[in-house]
PDB file of N, CA and C in Angstrom:
ATOM      1  N   MET A   1       1.141  -1.262  -0.066  1.00  0.00           N
ATOM      2  CA  MET A   1       0.083   0.001   0.271  1.00  0.00           C
ATOM      3  C   MET A   1       0.903   1.384  -0.036  1.00  0.00           C
ATOM      4  N   ASN A   2       0.292   2.104  -0.345  1.00  0.00           N
ATOM      5  CA  ASN A   2       1.654   3.271  -1.003  1.00  0.00           C
ATOM      6  C   ASN A   2       0.901   4.449   0.237  1.00  0.00           C
ATOM      7  N   GLY A   3       0.463   4.381   1.233  1.00  0.00           N
ATOM      8  CA  GLY A   3       0.265   5.532   1.996  1.00  0.00           C
ATOM      9  C   GLY A   3      -0.776   6.682   1.567  1.00  0.00           C
ATOM     10  N   GLN A   4      -1.451   6.569   0.568  1.00  0.00           N
ATOM     11  CA  GLN A   4      -2.060   8.161   0.464  1.00  0.00           C
ATOM     12  C   GLN A   4      -3.739   8.028   1.321  1.00  0.00           C
ATOM     13  N   ASN A   5      -4.233   6.456   1.126  1.00  0.00           N
ATOM     14  CA  ASN A   5      -5.169   6.595   2.051  1.00  0.00           C
ATOM     15  C   ASN A   5      -5.674   6.423   3.548  1.00  0.00           C
ATOM     16  N   ARG A   6      -6.057   7.267   4.302  1.00  0.00           N
ATOM     17  CA  ARG A   6      -6.340   6.789   5.298  1.00  0.00           C
ATOM     18  C   ARG A   6      -6.786   5.649   5.932  1.00  0.00           C
ATOM     19  N   LYS A   7      -7.855   5.468   5.097  1.00  0.00           N
ATOM     20  CA  LYS A   7      -8.115   4.305   5.680  1.00  0.00           C
ATOM     21  C   LYS A   7      -7.250   3.001   5.594  1.00  0.00           C
ATOM     22  N   ASP A   8      -6.280   3.057   5.084  1.00  0.00           N
ATOM     23  CA  ASP A   8      -5.351   1.800   4.961  1.00  0.00           C
ATOM     24  C   ASP A   8      -4.453   1.793   6.383  1.00  0.00           C
ATOM     25  N   ILE A   9      -4.277   3.027   6.983  1.00  0.00           N
ATOM     26  CA  ILE A   9      -3.296   3.191   7.933  1.00  0.00           C
ATOM     27  C   ILE A   9      -4.123   3.831   9.243  1.00  0.00           C
ATOM     28  N   GLN A  10      -3.588   2.776  10.681  1.00  0.00           N
ATOM     29  CA  GLN A  10      -4.151   2.724  11.902  1.00  0.00           C
ATOM     30  C   GLN A  10      -3.277   2.690  12.513  1.00  0.00           C
ATOM     31  N   PRO A  11      -2.944   3.390  14.040  1.00  0.00           N
ATOM     32  CA  PRO A  11      -2.050   3.677  15.239  1.00  0.00           C
ATOM     33  C   PRO A  11      -1.596   1.848  15.652  1.00  0.00           C
ATOM     34  N   GLY A  12      -0.483   1.483  15.673  1.00  0.00           N
ATOM     35  CA  GLY A  12       0.031   0.832  15.783  1.00  0.00           C
ATOM     36  C   GLY A  12       0.428  -0.328  14.010  1.00  0.00           C
ATOM     37  N   LYS A  13       0.507   0.666  12.835  1.00  0.00           N
ATOM     38  CA  LYS A  13       1.504  -0.595  12.110  1.00  0.00           C
ATOM     39  C   LYS A  13       2.514   0.177  11.724  1.00  0.00           C
ATOM     40  N   GLU A  14       2.860  -0.999  10.629  1.00  0.00           N
ATOM     41  CA  GLU A  14       4.718  -0.346  10.802  1.00  0.00           C
ATOM     42  C   GLU A  14       4.400   0.306   8.933  1.00  0.00           C
ATOM     43  N   VAL A  15       4.916   1.601   9.141  1.00  0.00           N
ATOM     44  CA  VAL A  15       5.305   2.503   8.099  1.00  0.00           C
ATOM     45  C   VAL A  15       6.749   2.916   7.716  1.00  0.00           C
ATOM     46  N   ASP A  16       6.939   3.254   6.203  1.00  0.00           N
ATOM     47  CA  ASP A  16       8.025   4.263   5.815  1.00  0.00           C
ATOM     48  C   ASP A  16       7.259   5.340   5.584  1.00  0.00           C
ATOM     49  N   ILE A  17       8.060   6.136   6.142  1.00  0.00           N
ATOM     50  CA  ILE A  17       7.548   7.865   6.234  1.00  0.00           C
ATOM     51  C   ILE A  17       8.781   8.377   5.384  1.00  0.00           C
ATOM     52  N   VAL A  18       8.823   9.417   4.715  1.00  0.00           N
ATOM     53  CA  VAL A  18       9.680  10.447   4.350  1.00  0.00           C
ATOM     54  C   VAL A  18       9.442  11.811   5.365  1.00  0.00           C
ATOM     55  N   LEU A  19      10.947  12.281   5.947  1.00  0.00           N
ATOM     56  CA  LEU A  19      10.438  13.330   7.081  1.00  0.00           C
ATOM     57  C   LEU A  19      10.752  14.747   6.085  1.00  0.00           C
ATOM     58  N   LYS A  20      10.329  15.735   6.636  1.00  0.00           N
ATOM     59  CA  LYS A  20      10.065  16.863   6.115  1.00  0.00           C
ATOM     60  C   LYS A  20      11.973  17.122   5.373  1.00  0.00           C
ATOM     61  N   GLN A  21      12.723  17.496   6.089  1.00  0.00           N
ATOM     62  CA  GLN A  21      13.981  17.287   5.774  1.00  0.00           C
ATOM     63  C   GLN A  21      14.647  16.174   5.008  1.00  0.00           C
ATOM     64  N   ASP A  22      13.810  15.260   4.592  1.00  0.00           N
ATOM     65  CA  ASP A  22      14.592  14.085   4.161  1.00  0.00           C
ATOM     66  C   ASP A  22      13.415  14.109   2.103  1.00  0.00           C
ATOM     67  N   GLN A  23      12.034  15.308   2.196  1.00  0.00           N
ATOM     68  CA  GLN A  23      12.193  15.013   0.958  1.00  0.00           C
ATOM     69  C   GLN A  23      12.520  15.384  -0.378  1.00  0.00           C
ATOM     70  N   ARG A  24      13.516  15.940  -0.475  1.00  0.00           N
ATOM     71  CA  ARG A  24      14.244  16.070  -1.833  1.00  0.00           C
ATOM     72  C   ARG A  24      15.256  15.107  -1.726  1.00  0.00           C
ATOM     73  N   THR A  25      15.401  14.009  -0.735  1.00  0.00           N
ATOM     74  CA  THR A  25      16.345  12.787  -1.314  1.00  0.00           C
ATOM     75  C   THR A  25      15.466  12.304  -1.390  1.00  0.00           C
ATOM     76  N   GLY A  26      14.574  11.900  -0.712  1.00  0.00           N
ATOM     77  CA  GLY A  26      13.254  10.673  -0.418  1.00  0.00           C
ATOM     78  C   GLY A  26      14.116  10.073   0.538  1.00  0.00           C
ATOM     79  N   LYS A  27      14.952   9.465   1.253  1.00  0.00           N
ATOM     80  CA  LYS A  27      14.911   8.553   2.138  1.00  0.00           C
ATOM     81  C   LYS A  27      14.216   8.577   3.308  1.00  0.00           C
ATOM     82  N   LEU A  28      13.772   6.974   3.194  1.00  0.00           N
ATOM     83  CA  LEU A  28      12.768   6.636   3.990  1.00  0.00           C
ATOM     84  C   LEU A  28      13.277   6.356   5.686  1.00  0.00           C
ATOM     85  N   THR A  29      12.344   6.748   6.436  1.00  0.00           N
ATOM     86  CA  THR A  29      12.816   6.432   8.094  1.00  0.00           C
ATOM     87  C   THR A  29      11.311   5.355   8.168  1.00  0.00           C
ATOM     88  N   HIS A  30      11.934   4.543   8.619  1.00  0.00           N
ATOM     89  CA  HIS A  30      10.624   2.975   9.362  1.00  0.00           C
ATOM     90  C   HIS A  30       9.897   3.236  10.630  1.00  0.00           C
ATOM     91  N   GLY A  31       9.190   3.064  11.045  1.00  0.00           N
ATOM     92  CA  GLY A  31       8.285   3.029  12.305  1.00  0.00           C
ATOM     93  C   GLY A  31       7.276   2.506  12.545  1.00  0.00           C
ATOM     94  N   ILE A  32       7.014   2.849  13.507  1.00  0.00           N
ATOM     95  CA  ILE A  32       5.179   2.132  14.141  1.00  0.00           C
ATOM     96  C   ILE A  32       4.533   3.173  14.251  1.00  0.00           C
ATOM     97  N   VAL A  33       3.470   3.642  13.438  1.00  0.00           N
ATOM     98  CA  VAL A  33       2.259   4.796  13.752  1.00  0.00           C
ATOM     99  C   VAL A  33       1.556   4.977  14.995  1.00  0.00           C
ATOM    100  N   LYS A  34       1.497   6.028  16.174  1.00  0.00           N
ATOM    101  CA  LYS A  34       1.274   6.908  16.717  1.00  0.00           C
ATOM    102  C   LYS A  34       0.147   7.422  16.814  1.00  0.00           C
ATOM    103  N   ASP A  35       0.011   8.737  15.752  1.00  0.00           N
ATOM    104  CA  ASP A  35      -1.135   9.414  15.583  1.00  0.00           C
ATOM    105  C   ASP A  35      -1.160   9.779  13.833  1.00  0.00           C
ATOM    106  N   LEU A  36      -2.319   9.795  13.518  1.00  0.00           N
ATOM    107  CA  LEU A  36      -2.683  10.400  12.158  1.00  0.00           C
ATOM    108  C   LEU A  36      -3.175  11.625  12.235  1.00  0.00           C
ATOM    109  N   LEU A  37      -2.263  12.654  11.366  1.00  0.00           N
ATOM    110  CA  LEU A  37      -2.352  13.950  11.919  1.00  0.00           C
ATOM    111  C   LEU A  37      -3.272  14.454  10.344  1.00  0.00           C
ATOM    112  N   THR A  38      -3.017  13.783   9.197  1.00  0.00           N
ATOM    113  CA  THR A  38      -3.806  13.804   8.377  1.00  0.00           C
ATOM    114  C   THR A  38      -5.517  14.066   8.293  1.00  0.00           C
ATOM    115  N   LYS A  39      -6.534  14.987   8.277  1.00  0.00           N
ATOM    116  CA  LYS A  39      -7.869  15.082   8.796  1.00  0.00           C
ATOM    117  C   LYS A  39      -8.399  14.223   7.384  1.00  0.00           C
ATOM    118  N   SER A  40      -7.886  14.646   6.222  1.00  0.00           N
ATOM    119  CA  SER A  40      -9.208  14.248   5.049  1.00  0.00           C
ATOM    120  C   SER A  40      -8.811  12.656   4.918  1.00  0.00           C
ATOM    121  N   SER A  41      -9.907  12.240   4.125  1.00  0.00           N
ATOM    122  CA  SER A  41      -9.687  10.511   3.662  1.00  0.00           C
ATOM    123  C   SER A  41      -8.391  10.290   2.696  1.00  0.00           C
ATOM    124  N   SER A  42      -7.984  10.949   1.672  1.00  0.00           N
ATOM    125  CA  SER A  42      -6.808  10.924   0.869  1.00  0.00           C
ATOM    126  C   SER A  42      -5.579  12.344   0.904  1.00  0.00           C
ATOM    127  N   HIS A  43      -4.547  11.989   0.871  1.00  0.00           N
ATOM    128  CA  HIS A  43      -3.530  13.005   0.503  1.00  0.00           C
ATOM    129  C   HIS A  43      -2.577  12.502  -0.987  1.00  0.00           C
ATOM    130  N   PRO A  44      -2.362  13.100  -1.788  1.00  0.00           N
ATOM    131  CA  PRO A  44      -1.608  12.561  -3.240  1.00  0.00           C
ATOM    132  C   PRO A  44       0.092  12.146  -2.620  1.00  0.00           C
ATOM    133  N   HIS A  45       0.314  13.482  -1.369  1.00  0.00           N
ATOM    134  CA  HIS A  45       1.802  13.098  -0.971  1.00  0.00           C
ATOM    135  C   HIS A  45       1.983  12.124   0.140  1.00  0.00           C
ATOM    136  N   GLY A  46       1.066  11.485   0.880  1.00  0.00           N
ATOM    137  CA  GLY A  46       0.666  10.730   1.862  1.00  0.00           C
ATOM    138  C   GLY A  46       0.222  11.197   2.795  1.00  0.00           C
ATOM    139  N   ILE A  47      -0.234  10.561   3.820  1.00  0.00           N
ATOM    140  CA  ILE A  47      -0.601  11.005   4.978  1.00  0.00           C
ATOM    141  C   ILE A  47      -0.264  11.467   6.010  1.00  0.00           C
ATOM    142  N   LYS A  48       0.022  12.378   7.036  1.00  0.00           N
ATOM    143  CA  LYS A  48       0.970  12.944   7.950  1.00  0.00           C
ATOM    144  C   LYS A  48       0.530  11.810   8.765  1.00  0.00           C
ATOM    145  N   VAL A  49       1.682  11.031   9.125  1.00  0.00           N
ATOM    146  CA  VAL A  49       1.267  10.437  10.548  1.00  0.00           C
ATOM    147  C   VAL A  49       2.717  10.899  11.686  1.00  0.00           C
ATOM    148  N   ARG A  50       2.819  10.974  13.107  1.00  0.00           N
ATOM    149  CA  ARG A  50       3.583  10.937  13.883  1.00  0.00           C
ATOM    150  C   ARG A  50       3.867   9.678  14.462  1.00  0.00           C
ATOM    151  N   LEU A  51       5.223   9.159  14.344  1.00  0.00           N
ATOM    152  CA  LEU A  51       5.452   7.804  15.143  1.00  0.00           C
ATOM    153  C   LEU A  51       6.018   7.296  15.985  1.00  0.00           C
ATOM    154  N   GLU A  52       5.722   6.450  16.954  1.00  0.00           N
ATOM    155  CA  GLU A  52       6.055   6.243  18.680  1.00  0.00           C
ATOM    156  C   GLU A  52       7.144   7.162  18.387  1.00  0.00           C
ATOM    157  N   ASP A  53       8.542   7.554  17.668  1.00  0.00           N
ATOM    158  CA  ASP A  53       8.975   7.857  18.350  1.00  0.00           C
ATOM    159  C   ASP A  53       9.023   9.238  18.157  1.00  0.00           C
ATOM    160  N   GLY A  54       8.321   9.962  18.323  1.00  0.00           N
ATOM    161  CA  GLY A  54       7.971  11.247  17.620  1.00  0.00           C
ATOM    162  C   GLY A  54       8.453  12.250  16.312  1.00  0.00           C
ATOM    163  N   GLN A  55       8.799  11.319  15.612  1.00  0.00           N
ATOM    164  CA  GLN A  55       9.327  12.072  14.531  1.00  0.00           C
ATOM    165  C   GLN A  55       8.431  11.520  13.553  1.00  0.00           C
ATOM    166  N   VAL A  56       7.629  13.044  12.678  1.00  0.00           N
ATOM    167  CA  VAL A  56       6.404  13.290  11.832  1.00  0.00           C
ATOM    168  C   VAL A  56       6.996  13.214  10.490  1.00  0.00           C
ATOM    169  N   GLY A  57       5.928  12.510   9.164  1.00  0.00           N
ATOM    170  CA  GLY A  57       6.222  12.265   8.053  1.00  0.00           C
ATOM    171  C   GLY A  57       5.160  12.149   7.401  1.00  0.00           C
ATOM    172  N   ARG A  58       5.175  12.020   5.988  1.00  0.00           N
ATOM    173  CA  ARG A  58       4.447  11.571   5.251  1.00  0.00           C
ATOM    174  C   ARG A  58       4.622   9.911   4.867  1.00  0.00           C
ATOM    175  N   VAL A  59       3.706   9.182   4.666  1.00  0.00           N
ATOM    176  CA  VAL A  59       3.619   7.851   4.466  1.00  0.00           C
ATOM    177  C   VAL A  59       3.916   7.288   3.289  1.00  0.00           C
ATOM    178  N   LYS A  60       5.046   6.595   3.068  1.00  0.00           N
ATOM    179  CA  LYS A  60       5.342   6.504   1.685  1.00  0.00           C
ATOM    180  C   LYS A  60       4.584   4.714   0.896  1.00  0.00           C
ATOM    181  N   LYS A  61       4.872   3.839   2.237  1.00  0.00           N
ATOM    182  CA  LYS A  61       4.868   2.585   2.334  1.00  0.00           C
ATOM    183  C   LYS A  61       3.914   1.723   3.587  1.00  0.00           C
ATOM    184  N   VAL A  62       3.045   1.161   3.343  1.00  0.00           N
ATOM    185  CA  VAL A  62       2.703   0.532   5.058  1.00  0.00           C
ATOM    186  C   VAL A  62       2.466  -1.194   4.867  1.00  0.00           C
ATOM    187  N   TYR A  63       3.069  -1.646   5.560  1.00  0.00           N
ATOM    188  CA  TYR A  63       3.350  -3.345   6.104  1.00  0.00           C
ATOM    189  C   TYR A  63       2.276  -3.761   5.840  1.00  0.00           C
TER     190      TYR A  63
END
């Protein structure tokens, strides 16, 4: 799953996100979702989430 649909992502899911400072390089960060920050049902750049370690980014892949 590509992380553009809110229904595919729930707290506790394993995801790869791209952090704001890594948007140019596309470097992915792996983690567990704590909170969903995007309110809309979908977003073309990925749903914004907060990981359990506090990092915030847009979801690129859902496991």
